[in-house]
Each structure stands twice: as C-alpha cells, then as structure tokens.
Amino acid sequence: MVRLTGYRRTTADLLHDLFHTVYDAPLRRLDDEELRALVGEIGAVVVVDDLEFGGADLDGLLEATPSAPSCSAPPPTPRRPPPTRPSRRSP
C-alpha cells in the first residue's frame, strides 16, 4: 500500500510522488511519457488523503495508474461553530 497526500498537489505531482515512493530514484525527474509508463505498472493499492481535485484531473490520475487500485478522500471540511444565542439583556 502506498499512501500519498493530495494537499496542494496536482495530478503530475502525485504521479511523481508515486514514482519516487515505489522506485529508488531520488534525483530522477522523468518526462511525462516515461513517468506514465512506469507508474502504470505499479500494482500497489494507492491511498490519497486530502485530494483537492476531481473531474478530469482525477480521471487522468486513475487512467495513469490502471494497475493500482486506489482510494481517495477529500480534505476535511471545517466545522461550523455552533449557532450563538442572542444574549438576554436584563431590564
């Protein structure tokens, strides 16, 4: 299992993060074609927390990693403070 953070990350960032997590190549920056070929072979379960995008960007991430079952979660939504009661004024 590979766990990545989606916080402030693009599809390209996540693909590079996945590559560098699985392969021992810390100084290597691949072009898009080579990167997609290598991450497309990764069969690990990929969990992405705080994913900040969806739609076509998410589709692109999933298409680039067809061998990797994945799970993603959106960032937590801030809790709203409880409603305040109007203060009563004493006469």
PDB file of N, CA and C in Angstrom:
ATOM      1  N   MET A   1       0.848  -1.170   0.000  1.00  0.00           N
ATOM      2  CA  MET A   1       0.000   0.000   0.000  1.00  0.00           C
ATOM      3  C   MET A   1       0.894   1.233   0.000  1.00  0.00           C
ATOM      4  N   VAL A   2       0.503   2.212  -0.778  1.00  0.00           N
ATOM      5  CA  VAL A   2       1.211   3.486  -0.866  1.00  0.00           C
ATOM      6  C   VAL A   2       0.237   4.576  -0.440  1.00  0.00           C
ATOM      7  N   ARG A   3       0.672   5.390   0.497  1.00  0.00           N
ATOM      8  CA  ARG A   3      -0.186   6.485   0.970  1.00  0.00           C
ATOM      9  C   ARG A   3       0.455   7.806   0.567  1.00  0.00           C
ATOM     10  N   LEU A   4      -0.338   8.634  -0.110  1.00  0.00           N
ATOM     11  CA  LEU A   4       0.128   9.940  -0.572  1.00  0.00           C
ATOM     12  C   LEU A   4      -0.798  11.025  -0.042  1.00  0.00           C
ATOM     13  N   THR A   5      -0.294  12.218   0.042  1.00  0.00           N
ATOM     14  CA  THR A   5      -1.145  13.347   0.404  1.00  0.00           C
ATOM     15  C   THR A   5      -1.481  14.138  -0.851  1.00  0.00           C
ATOM     16  N   GLY A   6      -2.733  14.499  -0.979  1.00  0.00           N
ATOM     17  CA  GLY A   6      -3.163  15.292  -2.119  1.00  0.00           C
ATOM     18  C   GLY A   6      -3.206  16.780  -1.816  1.00  0.00           C
ATOM     19  N   TYR A   7      -2.803  17.146  -0.598  1.00  0.00           N
ATOM     20  CA  TYR A   7      -2.869  18.539  -0.182  1.00  0.00           C
ATOM     21  C   TYR A   7      -1.959  19.405  -1.044  1.00  0.00           C
ATOM     22  N   ARG A   8      -2.581  20.329  -1.756  1.00  0.00           N
ATOM     23  CA  ARG A   8      -1.875  21.258  -2.653  1.00  0.00           C
ATOM     24  C   ARG A   8      -1.017  20.543  -3.695  1.00  0.00           C
ATOM     25  N   ARG A   9      -1.491  19.391  -4.176  1.00  0.00           N
ATOM     26  CA  ARG A   9      -0.762  18.611  -5.164  1.00  0.00           C
ATOM     27  C   ARG A   9      -1.585  18.513  -6.433  1.00  0.00           C
ATOM     28  N   THR A  10      -0.904  18.530  -7.574  1.00  0.00           N
ATOM     29  CA  THR A  10      -1.554  18.350  -8.870  1.00  0.00           C
ATOM     30  C   THR A  10      -1.467  16.877  -9.260  1.00  0.00           C
ATOM     31  N   THR A  11      -2.116  16.531 -10.359  1.00  0.00           N
ATOM     32  CA  THR A  11      -2.007  15.161 -10.874  1.00  0.00           C
ATOM     33  C   THR A  11      -0.550  14.817 -11.151  1.00  0.00           C
ATOM     34  N   ALA A  12       0.169  15.715 -11.807  1.00  0.00           N
ATOM     35  CA  ALA A  12       1.587  15.462 -12.117  1.00  0.00           C
ATOM     36  C   ALA A  12       2.400  15.289 -10.844  1.00  0.00           C
ATOM     37  N   ASP A  13       2.131  16.116  -9.833  1.00  0.00           N
ATOM     38  CA  ASP A  13       2.844  15.979  -8.555  1.00  0.00           C
ATOM     39  C   ASP A  13       2.620  14.599  -7.954  1.00  0.00           C
ATOM     40  N   LEU A  14       1.363  14.152  -7.958  1.00  0.00           N
ATOM     41  CA  LEU A  14       1.042  12.849  -7.362  1.00  0.00           C
ATOM     42  C   LEU A  14       1.676  11.697  -8.145  1.00  0.00           C
ATOM     43  N   LEU A  15       1.716  11.811  -9.459  1.00  0.00           N
ATOM     44  CA  LEU A  15       2.366  10.764 -10.252  1.00  0.00           C
ATOM     45  C   LEU A  15       3.851  10.698  -9.941  1.00  0.00           C
ATOM     46  N   HIS A  16       4.493  11.843  -9.807  1.00  0.00           N
ATOM     47  CA  HIS A  16       5.915  11.859  -9.435  1.00  0.00           C
ATOM     48  C   HIS A  16       6.106  11.343  -8.010  1.00  0.00           C
ATOM     49  N   ASP A  17       5.215  11.722  -7.087  1.00  0.00           N
ATOM     50  CA  ASP A  17       5.299  11.219  -5.713  1.00  0.00           C
ATOM     51  C   ASP A  17       5.174   9.700  -5.683  1.00  0.00           C
ATOM     52  N   LEU A  18       4.234   9.171  -6.457  1.00  0.00           N
ATOM     53  CA  LEU A  18       4.045   7.724  -6.522  1.00  0.00           C
ATOM     54  C   LEU A  18       5.298   7.045  -7.068  1.00  0.00           C
ATOM     55  N   PHE A  19       5.841   7.582  -8.142  1.00  0.00           N
ATOM     56  CA  PHE A  19       7.057   7.016  -8.724  1.00  0.00           C
ATOM     57  C   PHE A  19       8.185   6.988  -7.697  1.00  0.00           C
ATOM     58  N   HIS A  20       8.424   8.115  -7.027  1.00  0.00           N
ATOM     59  CA  HIS A  20       9.542   8.197  -6.084  1.00  0.00           C
ATOM     60  C   HIS A  20       9.303   7.387  -4.812  1.00  0.00           C
ATOM     61  N   THR A  21       8.062   7.104  -4.488  1.00  0.00           N
ATOM     62  CA  THR A  21       7.764   6.249  -3.339  1.00  0.00           C
ATOM     63  C   THR A  21       8.063   4.786  -3.655  1.00  0.00           C
ATOM     64  N   VAL A  22       7.790   4.383  -4.876  1.00  0.00           N
ATOM     65  CA  VAL A  22       7.938   2.974  -5.256  1.00  0.00           C
ATOM     66  C   VAL A  22       9.349   2.660  -5.767  1.00  0.00           C
ATOM     67  N   TYR A  23       9.917   3.558  -6.551  1.00  0.00           N
ATOM     68  CA  TYR A  23      11.232   3.324  -7.142  1.00  0.00           C
ATOM     69  C   TYR A  23      12.312   4.099  -6.386  1.00  0.00           C
ATOM     70  N   ASP A  24      13.497   3.524  -6.292  1.00  0.00           N
ATOM     71  CA  ASP A  24      14.625   4.170  -5.636  1.00  0.00           C
ATOM     72  C   ASP A  24      15.374   5.016  -6.665  1.00  0.00           C
ATOM     73  N   ALA A  25      14.864   6.199  -6.932  1.00  0.00           N
ATOM     74  CA  ALA A  25      15.468   7.089  -7.922  1.00  0.00           C
ATOM     75  C   ALA A  25      15.252   8.531  -7.471  1.00  0.00           C
ATOM     76  N   PRO A  26      15.860   8.930  -6.343  1.00  0.00           N
ATOM     77  CA  PRO A  26      15.551  10.228  -5.745  1.00  0.00           C
ATOM     78  C   PRO A  26      15.880  11.449  -6.602  1.00  0.00           C
ATOM     79  N   LEU A  27      16.854  11.356  -7.463  1.00  0.00           N
ATOM     80  CA  LEU A  27      17.250  12.527  -8.256  1.00  0.00           C
ATOM     81  C   LEU A  27      16.714  12.498  -9.680  1.00  0.00           C
ATOM     82  N   ARG A  28      15.914  11.517  -9.989  1.00  0.00           N
ATOM     83  CA  ARG A  28      15.440  11.349 -11.366  1.00  0.00           C
ATOM     84  C   ARG A  28      14.103  12.045 -11.565  1.00  0.00           C
ATOM     85  N   ARG A  29      14.043  12.900 -12.572  1.00  0.00           N
ATOM     86  CA  ARG A  29      12.784  13.561 -12.956  1.00  0.00           C
ATOM     87  C   ARG A  29      12.458  13.098 -14.368  1.00  0.00           C
ATOM     88  N   LEU A  30      11.402  12.328 -14.490  1.00  0.00           N
ATOM     89  CA  LEU A  30      11.043  11.709 -15.767  1.00  0.00           C
ATOM     90  C   LEU A  30      10.185  12.626 -16.621  1.00  0.00           C
ATOM     91  N   ASP A  31      10.243  12.414 -17.936  1.00  0.00           N
ATOM     92  CA  ASP A  31       9.292  13.117 -18.786  1.00  0.00           C
ATOM     93  C   ASP A  31       7.940  12.417 -18.637  1.00  0.00           C
ATOM     94  N   ASP A  32       6.891  13.058 -19.104  1.00  0.00           N
ATOM     95  CA  ASP A  32       5.529  12.572 -18.882  1.00  0.00           C
ATOM     96  C   ASP A  32       5.304  11.161 -19.435  1.00  0.00           C
ATOM     97  N   GLU A  33       5.809  10.894 -20.619  1.00  0.00           N
ATOM     98  CA  GLU A  33       5.594   9.582 -21.248  1.00  0.00           C
ATOM     99  C   GLU A  33       6.259   8.462 -20.443  1.00  0.00           C
ATOM    100  N   GLU A  34       7.507   8.664 -20.054  1.00  0.00           N
ATOM    101  CA  GLU A  34       8.222   7.642 -19.281  1.00  0.00           C
ATOM    102  C   GLU A  34       7.600   7.473 -17.891  1.00  0.00           C
ATOM    103  N   LEU A  35       7.203   8.587 -17.281  1.00  0.00           N
ATOM    104  CA  LEU A  35       6.570   8.531 -15.961  1.00  0.00           C
ATOM    105  C   LEU A  35       5.285   7.712 -16.009  1.00  0.00           C
ATOM    106  N   ARG A  36       4.434   7.995 -16.979  1.00  0.00           N
ATOM    107  CA  ARG A  36       3.161   7.266 -17.092  1.00  0.00           C
ATOM    108  C   ARG A  36       3.375   5.779 -17.382  1.00  0.00           C
ATOM    109  N   ALA A  37       4.398   5.459 -18.165  1.00  0.00           N
ATOM    110  CA  ALA A  37       4.686   4.052 -18.448  1.00  0.00           C
ATOM    111  C   ALA A  37       5.094   3.315 -17.164  1.00  0.00           C
ATOM    112  N   LEU A  38       5.925   3.953 -16.345  1.00  0.00           N
ATOM    113  CA  LEU A  38       6.406   3.287 -15.126  1.00  0.00           C
ATOM    114  C   LEU A  38       5.341   3.216 -14.038  1.00  0.00           C
ATOM    115  N   VAL A  39       4.600   4.304 -13.801  1.00  0.00           N
ATOM    116  CA  VAL A  39       3.572   4.237 -12.753  1.00  0.00           C
ATOM    117  C   VAL A  39       2.392   3.380 -13.196  1.00  0.00           C
ATOM    118  N   GLY A  40       2.205   3.216 -14.494  1.00  0.00           N
ATOM    119  CA  GLY A  40       1.135   2.360 -14.997  1.00  0.00           C
ATOM    120  C   GLY A  40       1.333   0.902 -14.659  1.00  0.00           C
ATOM    121  N   GLU A  41       2.568   0.529 -14.310  1.00  0.00           N
ATOM    122  CA  GLU A  41       2.879  -0.857 -13.951  1.00  0.00           C
ATOM    123  C   GLU A  41       2.811  -1.114 -12.453  1.00  0.00           C
ATOM    124  N   ILE A  42       2.633  -0.069 -11.671  1.00  0.00           N
ATOM    125  CA  ILE A  42       2.589  -0.223 -10.216  1.00  0.00           C
ATOM    126  C   ILE A  42       1.267  -0.866  -9.824  1.00  0.00           C
ATOM    127  N   GLY A  43       1.350  -1.956  -9.095  1.00  0.00           N
ATOM    128  CA  GLY A  43       0.147  -2.680  -8.711  1.00  0.00           C
ATOM    129  C   GLY A  43      -0.235  -2.499  -7.257  1.00  0.00           C
ATOM    130  N   ALA A  44       0.405  -1.583  -6.558  1.00  0.00           N
ATOM    131  CA  ALA A  44       0.098  -1.348  -5.144  1.00  0.00           C
ATOM    132  C   ALA A  44      -1.231  -0.610  -5.003  1.00  0.00           C
ATOM    133  N   VAL A  45      -1.868  -0.821  -3.868  1.00  0.00           N
ATOM    134  CA  VAL A  45      -3.055  -0.025  -3.535  1.00  0.00           C
ATOM    135  C   VAL A  45      -2.557   1.373  -3.208  1.00  0.00           C
ATOM    136  N   VAL A  46      -3.161   2.380  -3.823  1.00  0.00           N
ATOM    137  CA  VAL A  46      -2.746   3.764  -3.614  1.00  0.00           C
ATOM    138  C   VAL A  46      -3.864   4.502  -2.881  1.00  0.00           C
ATOM    139  N   VAL A  47      -3.522   5.082  -1.736  1.00  0.00           N
ATOM    140  CA  VAL A  47      -4.466   5.861  -0.946  1.00  0.00           C
ATOM    141  C   VAL A  47      -4.004   7.311  -0.996  1.00  0.00           C
ATOM    142  N   VAL A  48      -4.907   8.202  -1.387  1.00  0.00           N
ATOM    143  CA  VAL A  48      -4.580   9.626  -1.465  1.00  0.00           C
ATOM    144  C   VAL A  48      -5.506  10.368  -0.502  1.00  0.00           C
ATOM    145  N   ASP A  49      -4.920  10.940   0.543  1.00  0.00           N
ATOM    146  CA  ASP A  49      -5.680  11.743   1.500  1.00  0.00           C
ATOM    147  C   ASP A  49      -5.699  13.197   1.055  1.00  0.00           C
ATOM    148  N   ASP A  50      -6.723  13.899   1.456  1.00  0.00           N
ATOM    149  CA  ASP A  50      -6.846  15.342   1.217  1.00  0.00           C
ATOM    150  C   ASP A  50      -6.746  15.714  -0.258  1.00  0.00           C
ATOM    151  N   LEU A  51      -7.333  14.901  -1.096  1.00  0.00           N
ATOM    152  CA  LEU A  51      -7.307  15.162  -2.539  1.00  0.00           C
ATOM    153  C   LEU A  51      -8.137  16.399  -2.840  1.00  0.00           C
ATOM    154  N   GLU A  52      -7.517  17.370  -3.489  1.00  0.00           N
ATOM    155  CA  GLU A  52      -8.177  18.659  -3.712  1.00  0.00           C
ATOM    156  C   GLU A  52      -8.702  18.849  -5.124  1.00  0.00           C
ATOM    157  N   PHE A  53      -8.729  17.797  -5.927  1.00  0.00           N
ATOM    158  CA  PHE A  53      -9.263  17.945  -7.273  1.00  0.00           C
ATOM    159  C   PHE A  53     -10.125  16.741  -7.608  1.00  0.00           C
ATOM    160  N   GLY A  54     -10.897  16.882  -8.653  1.00  0.00           N
ATOM    161  CA  GLY A  54     -11.763  15.806  -9.115  1.00  0.00           C
ATOM    162  C   GLY A  54     -11.922  15.952 -10.617  1.00  0.00           C
ATOM    163  N   GLY A  55     -12.980  15.414 -11.151  1.00  0.00           N
ATOM    164  CA  GLY A  55     -13.286  15.552 -12.571  1.00  0.00           C
ATOM    165  C   GLY A  55     -12.199  15.012 -13.473  1.00  0.00           C
ATOM    166  N   ALA A  56     -11.829  15.798 -14.475  1.00  0.00           N
ATOM    167  CA  ALA A  56     -10.860  15.368 -15.478  1.00  0.00           C
ATOM    168  C   ALA A  56      -9.478  15.107 -14.866  1.00  0.00           C
ATOM    169  N   ASP A  57      -9.096  15.899 -13.854  1.00  0.00           N
ATOM    170  CA  ASP A  57      -7.788  15.680 -13.214  1.00  0.00           C
ATOM    171  C   ASP A  57      -7.755  14.335 -12.498  1.00  0.00           C
ATOM    172  N   LEU A  58      -8.832  13.999 -11.793  1.00  0.00           N
ATOM    173  CA  LEU A  58      -8.900  12.705 -11.117  1.00  0.00           C
ATOM    174  C   LEU A  58      -8.932  11.572 -12.139  1.00  0.00           C
ATOM    175  N   ASP A  59      -9.681  11.756 -13.210  1.00  0.00           N
ATOM    176  CA  ASP A  59      -9.709  10.748 -14.275  1.00  0.00           C
ATOM    177  C   ASP A  59      -8.312  10.520 -14.837  1.00  0.00           C
ATOM    178  N   GLY A  60      -7.546  11.607 -15.029  1.00  0.00           N
ATOM    179  CA  GLY A  60      -6.187  11.482 -15.539  1.00  0.00           C
ATOM    180  C   GLY A  60      -5.285  10.699 -14.606  1.00  0.00           C
ATOM    181  N   LEU A  61      -5.443  10.903 -13.300  1.00  0.00           N
ATOM    182  CA  LEU A  61      -4.659  10.161 -12.311  1.00  0.00           C
ATOM    183  C   LEU A  61      -5.017   8.677 -12.356  1.00  0.00           C
ATOM    184  N   LEU A  62      -6.303   8.380 -12.407  1.00  0.00           N
ATOM    185  CA  LEU A  62      -6.745   6.985 -12.438  1.00  0.00           C
ATOM    186  C   LEU A  62      -6.341   6.290 -13.738  1.00  0.00           C
ATOM    187  N   GLU A  63      -6.405   6.997 -14.856  1.00  0.00           N
ATOM    188  CA  GLU A  63      -6.006   6.414 -16.141  1.00  0.00           C
ATOM    189  C   GLU A  63      -4.504   6.148 -16.196  1.00  0.00           C
ATOM    190  N   ALA A  64      -3.724   6.962 -15.503  1.00  0.00           N
ATOM    191  CA  ALA A  64      -2.267   6.787 -15.500  1.00  0.00           C
ATOM    192  C   ALA A  64      -1.833   5.619 -14.622  1.00  0.00           C
ATOM    193  N   THR A  65      -2.719   5.155 -13.738  1.00  0.00           N
ATOM    194  CA  THR A  65      -2.374   4.070 -12.818  1.00  0.00           C
ATOM    195  C   THR A  65      -3.404   2.942 -12.907  1.00  0.00           C
ATOM    196  N   PRO A  66      -3.555   2.328 -14.083  1.00  0.00           N
ATOM    197  CA  PRO A  66      -4.615   1.330 -14.251  1.00  0.00           C
ATOM    198  C   PRO A  66      -4.400   0.053 -13.437  1.00  0.00           C
ATOM    199  N   SER A  67      -3.178  -0.263 -13.079  1.00  0.00           N
ATOM    200  CA  SER A  67      -2.897  -1.482 -12.319  1.00  0.00           C
ATOM    201  C   SER A  67      -3.009  -1.273 -10.821  1.00  0.00           C
ATOM    202  N   ALA A  68      -3.183  -0.037 -10.392  1.00  0.00           N
ATOM    203  CA  ALA A  68      -3.191   0.274  -8.963  1.00  0.00           C
ATOM    204  C   ALA A  68      -4.600   0.580  -8.485  1.00  0.00           C
ATOM    205  N   PRO A  69      -5.167  -0.322  -7.682  1.00  0.00           N
ATOM    206  CA  PRO A  69      -6.450   0.030  -7.066  1.00  0.00           C
ATOM    207  C   PRO A  69      -6.224   1.267  -6.202  1.00  0.00           C
ATOM    208  N   SER A  70      -7.159   2.193  -6.202  1.00  0.00           N
ATOM    209  CA  SER A  70      -6.925   3.422  -5.456  1.00  0.00           C
ATOM    210  C   SER A  70      -8.137   3.825  -4.648  1.00  0.00           C
ATOM    211  N   CYS A  71      -7.857   4.650  -3.671  1.00  0.00           N
ATOM    212  CA  CYS A  71      -8.882   5.200  -2.809  1.00  0.00           C
ATOM    213  C   CYS A  71      -8.473   6.641  -2.533  1.00  0.00           C
ATOM    214  N   SER A  72      -9.406   7.552  -2.605  1.00  0.00           N
ATOM    215  CA  SER A  72      -9.075   8.944  -2.339  1.00  0.00           C
ATOM    216  C   SER A  72     -10.108   9.533  -1.390  1.00  0.00           C
ATOM    217  N   ALA A  73      -9.667  10.525  -0.645  1.00  0.00           N
ATOM    218  CA  ALA A  73     -10.550  11.206   0.293  1.00  0.00           C
ATOM    219  C   ALA A  73     -10.364  12.708   0.147  1.00  0.00           C
ATOM    220  N   PRO A  74     -11.464  13.450   0.136  1.00  0.00           N
ATOM    221  CA  PRO A  74     -11.341  14.908   0.041  1.00  0.00           C
ATOM    222  C   PRO A  74     -10.817  15.472   1.359  1.00  0.00           C
ATOM    223  N   PRO A  75     -10.340  16.707   1.323  1.00  0.00           N
ATOM    224  CA  PRO A  75      -9.901  17.310   2.579  1.00  0.00           C
ATOM    225  C   PRO A  75     -11.083  17.468   3.517  1.00  0.00           C
ATOM    226  N   PRO A  76     -10.822  17.447   4.817  1.00  0.00           N
ATOM    227  CA  PRO A  76     -11.939  17.617   5.748  1.00  0.00           C
ATOM    228  C   PRO A  76     -12.533  19.008   5.616  1.00  0.00           C
ATOM    229  N   THR A  77     -13.835  19.066   5.764  1.00  0.00           N
ATOM    230  CA  THR A  77     -14.484  20.376   5.718  1.00  0.00           C
ATOM    231  C   THR A  77     -14.437  20.976   7.110  1.00  0.00           C
ATOM    232  N   PRO A  78     -14.195  22.261   7.181  1.00  0.00           N
ATOM    233  CA  PRO A  78     -14.139  22.882   8.509  1.00  0.00           C
ATOM    234  C   PRO A  78     -15.496  22.795   9.196  1.00  0.00           C
ATOM    235  N   ARG A  79     -15.445  22.561  10.463  1.00  0.00           N
ATOM    236  CA  ARG A  79     -16.695  22.518  11.223  1.00  0.00           C
ATOM    237  C   ARG A  79     -17.197  23.930  11.446  1.00  0.00           C
ATOM    238  N   ARG A  80     -18.492  24.047  11.339  1.00  0.00           N
ATOM    239  CA  ARG A  80     -19.101  25.350  11.609  1.00  0.00           C
ATOM    240  C   ARG A  80     -19.237  25.500  13.116  1.00  0.00           C
ATOM    241  N   PRO A  81     -19.002  26.700  13.612  1.00  0.00           N
ATOM    242  CA  PRO A  81     -19.217  26.898  15.048  1.00  0.00           C
ATOM    243  C   PRO A  81     -20.701  26.779  15.364  1.00  0.00           C
ATOM    244  N   PRO A  82     -21.019  26.374  16.570  1.00  0.00           N
ATOM    245  CA  PRO A  82     -22.443  26.261  16.913  1.00  0.00           C
ATOM    246  C   PRO A  82     -23.099  27.634  16.847  1.00  0.00           C
ATOM    247  N   PRO A  83     -24.376  27.662  16.510  1.00  0.00           N
ATOM    248  CA  PRO A  83     -25.056  28.956  16.429  1.00  0.00           C
ATOM    249  C   PRO A  83     -25.064  29.626  17.804  1.00  0.00           C
ATOM    250  N   THR A  84     -24.895  30.896  17.793  1.00  0.00           N
ATOM    251  CA  THR A  84     -24.911  31.632  19.060  1.00  0.00           C
ATOM    252  C   THR A  84     -26.325  32.089  19.362  1.00  0.00           C
ATOM    253  N   ARG A  85     -26.625  32.066  20.618  1.00  0.00           N
ATOM    254  CA  ARG A  85     -27.945  32.558  21.059  1.00  0.00           C
ATOM    255  C   ARG A  85     -27.820  34.040  21.339  1.00  0.00           C
ATOM    256  N   PRO A  86     -28.877  34.757  20.983  1.00  0.00           N
ATOM    257  CA  PRO A  86     -28.825  36.182  21.324  1.00  0.00           C
ATOM    258  C   PRO A  86     -28.769  36.339  22.839  1.00  0.00           C
ATOM    259  N   SER A  87     -27.952  37.247  23.273  1.00  0.00           N
ATOM    260  CA  SER A  87     -27.850  37.449  24.726  1.00  0.00           C
ATOM    261  C   SER A  87     -29.080  38.193  25.241  1.00  0.00           C
ATOM    262  N   ARG A  88     -29.472  37.827  26.408  1.00  0.00           N
ATOM    263  CA  ARG A  88     -30.616  38.498  27.032  1.00  0.00           C
ATOM    264  C   ARG A  88     -30.100  39.660  27.855  1.00  0.00           C
ATOM    265  N   ARG A  89     -30.745  40.736  27.689  1.00  0.00           N
ATOM    266  CA  ARG A  89     -30.380  41.909  28.481  1.00  0.00           C
ATOM    267  C   ARG A  89     -31.316  41.989  29.679  1.00  0.00           C
ATOM    268  N   SER A  90     -30.757  42.282  30.780  1.00  0.00           N
ATOM    269  CA  SER A  90     -31.614  42.442  31.946  1.00  0.00           C
ATOM    270  C   SER A  90     -32.222  43.851  31.949  1.00  0.00           C
ATOM    271  N   PRO A  91     -33.474  43.936  32.386  1.00  0.00           N
ATOM    272  CA  PRO A  91     -34.159  45.244  32.345  1.00  0.00           C
ATOM    273  C   PRO A  91     -33.598  46.239  33.304  1.00  0.00           C
TER     274      PRO A  91
END
